[in-house]
Amino acid sequence: MRKFLLPILLLIVGCGTEPEDCAGVADGTAGLDSCAVCVGGTTNLTACSQDCAGVWGGNAYVGSIVGYWDNLEKQLISVGDTTITKKDENSYETYIYNSDSTFSYSGMDNGFEYSGNGTYTINNEIITETENNITKEWDYEICENILTVSYTTESSLTIYTYQRITNPL
């Protein structure tokens, strides 16, 4: 009888323990975040966050629009069709957003040179540009040194991607 009593006693004592969280606290509330770090509960740590590049715990930053931007890609999506135009040696576009809320741009597309300037305002994630009494609103996002702007009409979505450059002049 004694042989059976010890295993039964150990089983009863072993079953009485509560599960531990990642911090080793019995029945605790700490858990692993998306960066595999034990947070919450008694750790006094908060979960890591996702940076603007989509990396958990990353350090990519949201930058200022002021500066020089070189066009990398234009994507036009309309009624089932997608056209992607990448910059080549015969086409370019450079935007300059100044700290005094003015902008200018110049470029070449299919041998046609163009340029312009105007004023801009920023409200939340929308750039409103006014040039020659014409106003256009762009959704925008800046992450690190990449600026993405998009414009939506009833029939299409246009997306431009720019890279920050040093003063090209």
Protein backbone atom coordinates (compact mmCIF):
# COMPACT_ATOMS: atom_id res chain seq x y z
CA MET A 1 0.00 0.00 0.00
CA ARG A 2 2.86 2.31 0.79
CA LYS A 3 4.17 1.92 -2.77
CA PHE A 4 0.96 3.36 -4.18
CA LEU A 5 0.52 6.12 -1.65
CA LEU A 6 3.67 8.10 -2.60
CA PRO A 7 2.89 8.36 -6.36
CA ILE A 8 -0.71 9.35 -5.59
CA LEU A 9 0.46 12.00 -3.12
CA LEU A 10 2.95 13.40 -5.66
CA LEU A 11 0.21 13.49 -8.28
CA ILE A 12 -2.11 15.45 -6.00
CA VAL A 13 0.60 17.97 -5.05
CA GLY A 14 1.78 18.29 -8.69
CA CYS A 15 -1.72 18.97 -10.00
CA GLY A 16 -2.29 21.75 -7.52
CA THR A 17 0.19 24.17 -9.14
CA GLU A 18 -1.17 26.88 -11.40
CA PRO A 19 0.37 27.57 -14.83
CA GLU A 20 3.03 30.27 -14.98
CA ASP A 21 3.14 33.17 -17.41
CA CYS A 22 6.33 34.05 -19.34
CA ALA A 23 7.59 36.04 -16.31
CA GLY A 24 7.31 32.96 -14.09
CA VAL A 25 4.28 34.23 -12.15
CA ALA A 26 1.72 31.56 -11.28
CA ASP A 27 -1.55 32.31 -13.05
CA GLY A 28 0.03 35.62 -14.23
CA THR A 29 -1.06 37.80 -17.13
CA ALA A 30 2.28 38.48 -18.86
CA GLY A 31 2.66 37.24 -22.42
CA LEU A 32 4.97 37.39 -25.41
CA ASP A 33 4.55 40.33 -27.77
CA SER A 34 5.21 40.39 -31.52
CA CYS A 35 8.92 40.88 -30.80
CA ALA A 36 9.05 37.73 -28.62
CA VAL A 37 9.58 39.79 -25.44
CA CYS A 38 7.72 38.98 -22.23
CA VAL A 39 5.48 42.00 -21.51
CA GLY A 40 2.52 42.94 -19.33
CA GLY A 41 1.70 41.46 -15.96
CA THR A 42 4.42 42.17 -13.43
CA THR A 43 7.13 42.94 -16.04
CA ASN A 44 6.33 46.68 -16.27
CA LEU A 45 7.08 46.38 -19.99
CA THR A 46 4.75 47.29 -22.84
CA ALA A 47 4.40 45.49 -26.15
CA CYS A 48 6.62 46.52 -29.03
CA SER A 49 5.02 48.44 -31.88
CA GLN A 50 5.19 48.22 -35.64
CA ASP A 51 7.20 50.96 -37.37
CA CYS A 52 6.10 52.70 -40.57
CA ALA A 53 7.91 50.06 -42.67
CA GLY A 54 5.82 47.32 -41.05
CA VAL A 55 8.65 45.88 -38.92
CA TRP A 56 7.74 44.95 -35.33
CA GLY A 57 10.19 46.66 -32.99
CA GLY A 58 11.82 48.38 -35.98
CA ASN A 59 13.18 51.90 -35.96
CA ALA A 60 11.99 53.27 -39.31
CA TYR A 61 10.69 56.78 -38.82
CA VAL A 62 8.04 59.02 -40.31
CA GLY A 63 9.85 61.96 -41.87
CA SER A 64 9.06 65.50 -42.92
CA ILE A 65 7.84 66.27 -46.42
CA VAL A 66 10.17 69.27 -46.66
CA GLY A 67 13.00 68.43 -49.05
CA TYR A 68 13.84 67.13 -52.50
CA TRP A 69 12.03 64.07 -53.85
CA ASP A 70 12.97 62.05 -56.93
CA ASN A 71 10.23 59.99 -58.62
CA LEU A 72 10.91 56.23 -58.59
CA GLU A 73 7.65 54.83 -59.91
CA LYS A 74 4.18 55.74 -61.15
CA GLN A 75 1.38 53.22 -60.88
CA LEU A 76 -1.98 53.85 -62.54
CA ILE A 77 -4.77 51.44 -61.67
CA SER A 78 -7.99 51.83 -63.61
CA VAL A 79 -10.95 49.55 -64.22
CA GLY A 80 -9.05 46.28 -64.09
CA ASP A 81 -5.82 47.51 -65.75
CA THR A 82 -2.54 48.32 -64.08
CA THR A 83 0.23 50.30 -65.74
CA ILE A 84 3.52 50.71 -63.92
CA THR A 85 5.97 53.25 -65.27
CA LYS A 86 9.41 53.14 -63.75
CA LYS A 87 11.86 55.98 -64.08
CA ASP A 88 14.42 55.51 -66.85
CA GLU A 89 17.17 57.69 -68.29
CA ASN A 90 14.69 59.49 -70.58
CA SER A 91 12.09 60.37 -67.95
CA TYR A 92 12.34 61.93 -64.53
CA GLU A 93 10.44 64.05 -62.06
CA THR A 94 11.71 65.94 -59.06
CA TYR A 95 9.50 67.64 -56.47
CA ILE A 96 10.72 70.21 -53.97
CA TYR A 97 8.55 70.88 -50.93
CA ASN A 98 9.78 73.99 -49.11
CA SER A 99 9.26 74.83 -45.44
CA ASP A 100 7.30 77.98 -46.42
CA SER A 101 4.48 75.80 -47.87
CA THR A 102 5.51 76.30 -51.49
CA PHE A 103 6.48 73.55 -53.90
CA SER A 104 8.02 73.27 -57.32
CA TYR A 105 8.60 70.41 -59.69
CA SER A 106 10.24 69.64 -62.99
CA GLY A 107 10.41 66.59 -65.12
CA MET A 108 10.46 64.93 -68.51
CA ASP A 109 8.05 62.33 -69.82
CA ASN A 110 8.30 60.83 -73.32
CA GLY A 111 10.57 63.69 -74.41
CA PHE A 112 8.23 66.38 -73.09
CA GLU A 113 9.72 68.67 -70.43
CA TYR A 114 7.42 70.17 -67.84
CA SER A 115 7.62 72.18 -64.65
CA GLY A 116 5.40 74.04 -62.25
CA ASN A 117 5.00 75.45 -58.78
CA GLY A 118 2.38 76.32 -56.24
CA THR A 119 1.48 76.13 -52.59
CA TYR A 120 0.62 73.21 -50.36
CA THR A 121 -0.95 72.49 -47.00
CA ILE A 122 -0.87 69.32 -44.94
CA ASN A 123 -3.77 68.13 -42.84
CA ASN A 124 -3.52 64.68 -41.28
CA GLU A 125 -2.40 62.42 -44.13
CA ILE A 126 -3.56 64.66 -47.00
CA ILE A 127 -1.46 67.10 -49.04
CA THR A 128 -3.53 69.78 -50.74
CA GLU A 129 -1.64 71.34 -53.65
CA THR A 130 -2.80 74.48 -55.42
CA GLU A 131 -1.31 75.45 -58.76
CA ASN A 132 -2.84 78.00 -61.17
CA ASN A 133 -6.08 78.06 -59.13
CA ILE A 134 -6.43 74.27 -59.46
CA THR A 135 -6.48 72.30 -56.21
CA LYS A 136 -5.71 68.63 -55.93
CA GLU A 137 -5.73 66.51 -52.79
CA TRP A 138 -3.27 63.63 -52.40
CA ASP A 139 -3.17 61.00 -49.70
CA TYR A 140 0.42 60.65 -48.60
CA GLU A 141 2.68 58.62 -46.38
CA ILE A 142 6.35 59.13 -45.56
CA CYS A 143 8.47 56.37 -44.11
CA GLU A 144 12.21 56.80 -43.81
CA ASN A 145 13.19 58.44 -47.11
CA ILE A 146 10.27 57.20 -49.21
CA LEU A 147 7.24 59.37 -50.02
CA THR A 148 4.14 57.68 -51.43
CA VAL A 149 1.31 59.84 -52.74
CA SER A 150 -1.96 58.67 -54.24
CA TYR A 151 -4.86 60.31 -56.00
CA THR A 152 -8.22 58.67 -56.56
CA THR A 153 -10.83 59.51 -59.19
CA GLU A 154 -14.07 57.73 -60.03
CA SER A 155 -12.29 55.53 -62.56
CA SER A 156 -8.69 55.22 -61.39
CA LEU A 157 -6.10 55.30 -58.64
CA THR A 158 -2.71 56.88 -59.31
CA ILE A 159 0.20 56.14 -56.98
CA TYR A 160 3.58 57.87 -57.13
CA THR A 161 6.61 56.75 -55.16
CA TYR A 162 9.45 59.21 -54.50
CA GLN A 163 12.81 58.88 -52.80
CA ARG A 164 14.37 61.69 -50.77
CA ILE A 165 17.51 63.04 -52.41
CA THR A 166 20.06 65.68 -51.52
CA ASN A 167 19.82 69.05 -53.20
CA PRO A 168 20.24 68.26 -56.92
CA LEU A 169 21.29 71.84 -57.78
